[in-house]
Each structure stands twice: as structure tokens, then as C-alpha cells.
Protein backbone atom coordinates (compact mmCIF):
# COMPACT_ATOMS: atom_id res chain seq x y z
CA UNK A 1 -16.14 -6.09 -0.37
CA UNK A 2 -18.24 -2.87 0.30
CA UNK A 3 -18.56 0.03 -1.91
CA UNK A 4 -16.17 1.59 0.31
CA UNK A 5 -13.94 -0.58 2.26
CA UNK A 6 -12.64 -0.06 5.58
CA UNK A 7 -8.42 0.29 5.01
CA UNK A 8 -6.05 -1.14 7.18
CA UNK A 9 -2.31 0.15 7.08
CA UNK A 10 0.59 -1.50 8.81
CA UNK A 11 3.51 0.84 9.13
CA UNK A 12 3.77 4.52 9.29
CA UNK A 13 6.66 5.91 6.87
CA UNK A 14 6.74 7.92 3.52
CA UNK A 15 4.23 5.65 2.12
CA UNK A 16 2.37 5.01 4.74
CA UNK A 17 1.82 8.74 5.33
CA UNK A 18 0.99 9.70 1.89
CA UNK A 19 -1.56 6.61 1.44
CA UNK A 20 -3.62 7.73 4.83
CA UNK A 21 -3.50 11.36 2.95
CA UNK A 22 -4.84 9.50 -0.19
CA UNK A 23 -7.42 7.17 1.01
CA UNK A 24 -8.92 9.46 3.30
CA UNK A 25 -9.23 12.24 0.96
CA UNK A 26 -11.31 9.87 -1.13
CA UNK A 27 -13.67 9.05 1.81
CA UNK A 28 -12.26 6.21 3.19
CA UNK A 29 -12.24 5.11 6.76
CA UNK A 30 -8.40 4.35 7.14
CA UNK A 31 -7.24 2.38 10.51
CA UNK A 32 -3.42 2.44 11.28
CA UNK A 33 -0.82 -0.06 13.45
CA UNK A 34 2.96 0.90 13.74
CA UNK A 35 5.53 0.41 16.41
CA UNK A 36 6.04 4.05 16.20
CA UNK A 37 3.25 5.39 17.81
CA UNK A 38 4.44 9.01 17.42
CA UNK A 39 4.51 8.89 13.83
CA UNK A 40 0.86 7.77 13.70
CA UNK A 41 0.06 10.37 15.98
CA UNK A 42 1.98 12.83 13.33
CA UNK A 43 -0.40 11.20 10.47
CA UNK A 44 -3.10 11.95 12.50
CA UNK A 45 -2.70 15.67 12.44
CA UNK A 46 -2.47 15.45 8.44
CA UNK A 47 -5.68 13.37 8.00
CA UNK A 48 -8.33 11.58 10.28
CA UNK A 49 -7.17 7.86 10.94
CA UNK A 50 -7.62 6.00 13.89
CA UNK A 51 -4.55 3.84 15.56
CA UNK A 52 -5.10 0.49 16.81
CA UNK A 53 -2.51 -1.21 18.61
CA UNK A 54 -2.23 -4.55 17.51
CA UNK A 55 -2.21 -6.61 13.94
CA UNK A 56 -5.28 -8.76 15.66
CA UNK A 57 -7.48 -5.76 15.62
CA UNK A 58 -6.50 -4.54 12.36
CA UNK A 59 -7.05 -7.25 10.58
CA UNK A 60 -10.57 -7.70 12.32
CA UNK A 61 -11.50 -4.05 11.38
CA UNK A 62 -10.09 -3.95 7.95
CA UNK A 63 -11.34 -5.36 4.02
CA UNK A 64 -7.95 -4.35 2.52
CA UNK A 65 -4.76 -4.74 4.66
CA UNK A 66 -2.13 -2.68 3.18
CA UNK A 67 1.89 -3.29 4.38
CA UNK A 68 3.88 -0.36 4.13
CA UNK A 69 6.79 -1.74 5.46
CA UNK A 70 10.59 -2.38 4.43
CA UNK A 71 10.89 -5.27 1.78
CA UNK A 72 12.44 -7.57 3.97
CA UNK A 73 9.53 -7.23 6.71
CA UNK A 74 6.58 -8.17 4.05
CA UNK A 75 6.98 -11.76 4.64
CA UNK A 76 7.33 -11.85 8.44
CA UNK A 77 4.46 -9.63 9.02
CA UNK A 78 2.53 -11.71 6.74
CA UNK A 79 2.81 -14.63 9.26
CA UNK A 80 1.05 -12.50 11.84
CA UNK A 81 -1.94 -11.51 9.74
CA UNK A 82 -5.20 -13.65 10.29
CA UNK A 83 -8.74 -13.36 9.63
CA UNK A 84 -10.08 -12.50 6.31
CA UNK A 85 -8.76 -9.01 4.91
CA UNK A 86 -7.42 -9.06 1.56
CA UNK A 87 -3.58 -8.75 2.29
CA UNK A 88 -1.38 -6.30 0.17
CA UNK A 89 2.20 -5.25 -0.24
CA UNK A 90 2.77 -2.28 -1.92
CA UNK A 91 6.41 -2.71 -2.99
CA UNK A 92 7.88 -2.96 -6.38
CA UNK A 93 10.67 -5.42 -5.89
CA UNK A 94 9.15 -7.94 -3.79
CA UNK A 95 7.29 -10.87 -5.54
CA UNK A 96 3.69 -11.49 -4.94
CA UNK A 97 5.15 -14.91 -3.27
CA UNK A 98 6.40 -12.61 -0.32
CA UNK A 99 2.62 -13.04 1.09
CA UNK A 100 2.35 -16.50 1.05
CA UNK A 101 2.60 -17.39 4.92
CA UNK A 102 -0.81 -15.69 4.76
CA UNK A 103 -3.41 -18.30 3.75
CA UNK A 104 -6.27 -15.75 2.80
CA UNK A 105 -6.77 -13.89 -0.01
CA UNK A 106 -3.50 -11.49 -1.09
CA UNK A 107 -2.34 -9.31 -3.81
CA UNK A 108 0.08 -6.46 -4.87
CA UNK A 109 -1.24 -2.82 -4.54
CA UNK A 110 1.85 -0.69 -6.02
CA UNK A 111 1.69 3.18 -6.73
CA UNK A 112 4.70 3.98 -9.48
CA UNK A 113 5.61 6.95 -7.42
CA UNK A 114 8.47 8.32 -5.38
CA UNK A 115 7.10 9.23 -2.01
CA UNK A 116 8.42 12.04 0.21
CA UNK A 117 6.83 13.01 3.36
CA UNK A 118 4.95 16.36 3.23
CA UNK A 119 5.72 16.58 -0.56
CA UNK A 120 2.15 17.57 -2.31
CA UNK A 121 1.33 15.12 -4.65
CA UNK A 122 -1.67 14.54 -7.37
CA UNK A 123 -2.81 11.16 -6.30
CA UNK A 124 -4.95 10.93 -9.20
CA UNK A 125 -2.32 11.17 -11.62
CA UNK A 126 -0.13 8.05 -9.99
CA UNK A 127 -0.50 5.01 -11.50
CA UNK A 128 -1.07 1.70 -9.84
CA UNK A 129 0.16 -1.57 -10.45
CA UNK A 130 -1.82 -4.40 -9.35
CA UNK A 131 -1.13 -8.29 -8.97
CA UNK A 132 -2.96 -11.38 -7.49
CA UNK A 133 -3.16 -15.18 -8.42
CA UNK A 134 -7.00 -15.06 -7.39
CA UNK A 135 -9.64 -13.58 -9.83
CA UNK A 136 -11.85 -12.28 -6.96
CA UNK A 137 -9.26 -10.57 -5.40
CA UNK A 138 -7.79 -9.12 -8.83
CA UNK A 139 -11.70 -7.89 -9.32
CA UNK A 140 -11.47 -6.17 -5.81
CA UNK A 141 -8.00 -4.53 -6.36
CA UNK A 142 -10.04 -3.20 -9.85
CA UNK A 143 -12.78 -1.69 -8.10
CA UNK A 144 -10.65 -0.14 -5.33
CA UNK A 145 -8.65 1.33 -7.47
CA UNK A 146 -11.25 2.53 -9.58
CA UNK A 147 -12.82 4.07 -6.66
CA UNK A 148 -10.16 6.22 -6.14
CA UNK A 149 -9.88 7.27 -10.03
CA UNK A 150 -6.48 6.39 -10.88
CA UNK A 151 -5.10 4.35 -13.88
CA UNK A 152 -3.85 0.82 -13.23
CA UNK A 153 -2.33 -1.97 -14.79
CA UNK A 154 -2.17 -5.69 -14.38
CA UNK A 155 1.52 -6.71 -13.98
CA UNK A 156 3.13 -9.78 -13.05
CA UNK A 157 5.79 -9.63 -9.96
CA UNK A 158 8.79 -9.90 -12.86
CA UNK A 159 7.50 -7.31 -15.14
CA UNK A 160 6.72 -4.96 -12.15
CA UNK A 161 10.26 -5.18 -11.19
CA UNK A 162 11.50 -4.52 -14.03
CA UNK A 163 9.08 -1.30 -14.43
CA UNK A 164 10.16 -0.57 -10.87
CA UNK A 165 13.66 -0.95 -11.54
CA UNK A 166 13.48 1.62 -14.70
CA UNK A 167 11.69 4.16 -12.75
CA UNK A 168 14.17 3.99 -9.75
CA UNK A 169 16.84 4.34 -12.46
CA UNK A 170 15.13 7.30 -13.97
CA UNK A 171 14.10 9.48 -10.98
CA UNK A 172 18.27 8.68 -9.36
CA UNK A 173 19.87 9.66 -12.63
CA UNK A 174 17.58 12.66 -13.15
CA UNK A 175 18.26 13.84 -9.60
CA UNK A 176 21.95 13.03 -9.95
CA UNK A 177 22.22 15.24 -13.22
CA UNK A 178 20.35 17.89 -11.46
CA UNK A 179 22.44 18.11 -8.67
CA UNK A 180 25.64 18.62 -10.68
């Protein structure tokens, strides 16, 4: 992987919006593919990204390819990925095994944060949980996360799920109590 990897993102929701801002603010080039062209156009008004119109093109251009899609779509999209990007999903609740349809390098890069579009976040303060079964990919994830300046920890899918559920409970409970 290059010193500054080229980033590909599939999706155009809250997480994608924030990753585009986060990664471009770190000086990374970001390509985005989504079925929702209007949402990608909106993201492009907030940061300098390039829209691509096919997953094949995104695979060709990207060193790291982030799936920022609904949890139940991760496996289906992984089947469509080709070439040699490192394929990553960003879910706290989905196992690394969801990427098994892709035969290349794969991992999980999960920022432990609730993402709401337009909310200002201190990206450097967000802890990141990483996972991969391959040492080379894990090393790439370490290097990438260091480029961003974030704290990170390696966690298995099972441990990441536990932490994700605890974070969701703490966040939702606090929000519920504040509304009362």
C-alpha cells in the first residue's frame, strides 16, 4: 500500500458522508460509488471527492475499499468486488466472515462512533477497531489508521460485537434519559 492510499467508498449515507470528510481532511484522495447519485453530489459539495459509476471502476482505482452500506448488504456487495483492493466493512455488528465472498485481502475498520450527517466531529478523537485474518492486511490497517492519527485496537468479530452493543446501549439510553 502507498504511503497515502487511494480510498474507495461504496455508499452515500451518514457514515460515508463522514468518512469522505475525515479522509479528505487527511489529504487522501477519495472515490465514491453509490446508487444514489444525488447523495454523492451532496457529499461532493462538502469535500473534494470523485464519483465513479461502477464498482468495477472503484475496485480498479482503490487501495482500500470501504463498504459503508447496510449490514445485510455487505456480503452481496463483497461478491461484486474484484481486483486487488483491500476490502473493508465498517460495521460493529457484522463478522469479518461476511466478506468471504471476496477472495482477496479483507478486514474490518470500525470507528466506534455514532455518525449523524452534518454533525461536527473531532475525527482524531474517534477510536477505531480493526480486524483481519491476514497479517499483511492487519499491518496495512495499522498504517492507515496511524496516517489519520487515531487510536486503534485489534478486536475479533465477537469482541467487537460486544463493544458495539454496549456502545449502542449507552448512547441510546443516555439519549432516552435526556429526552425525559
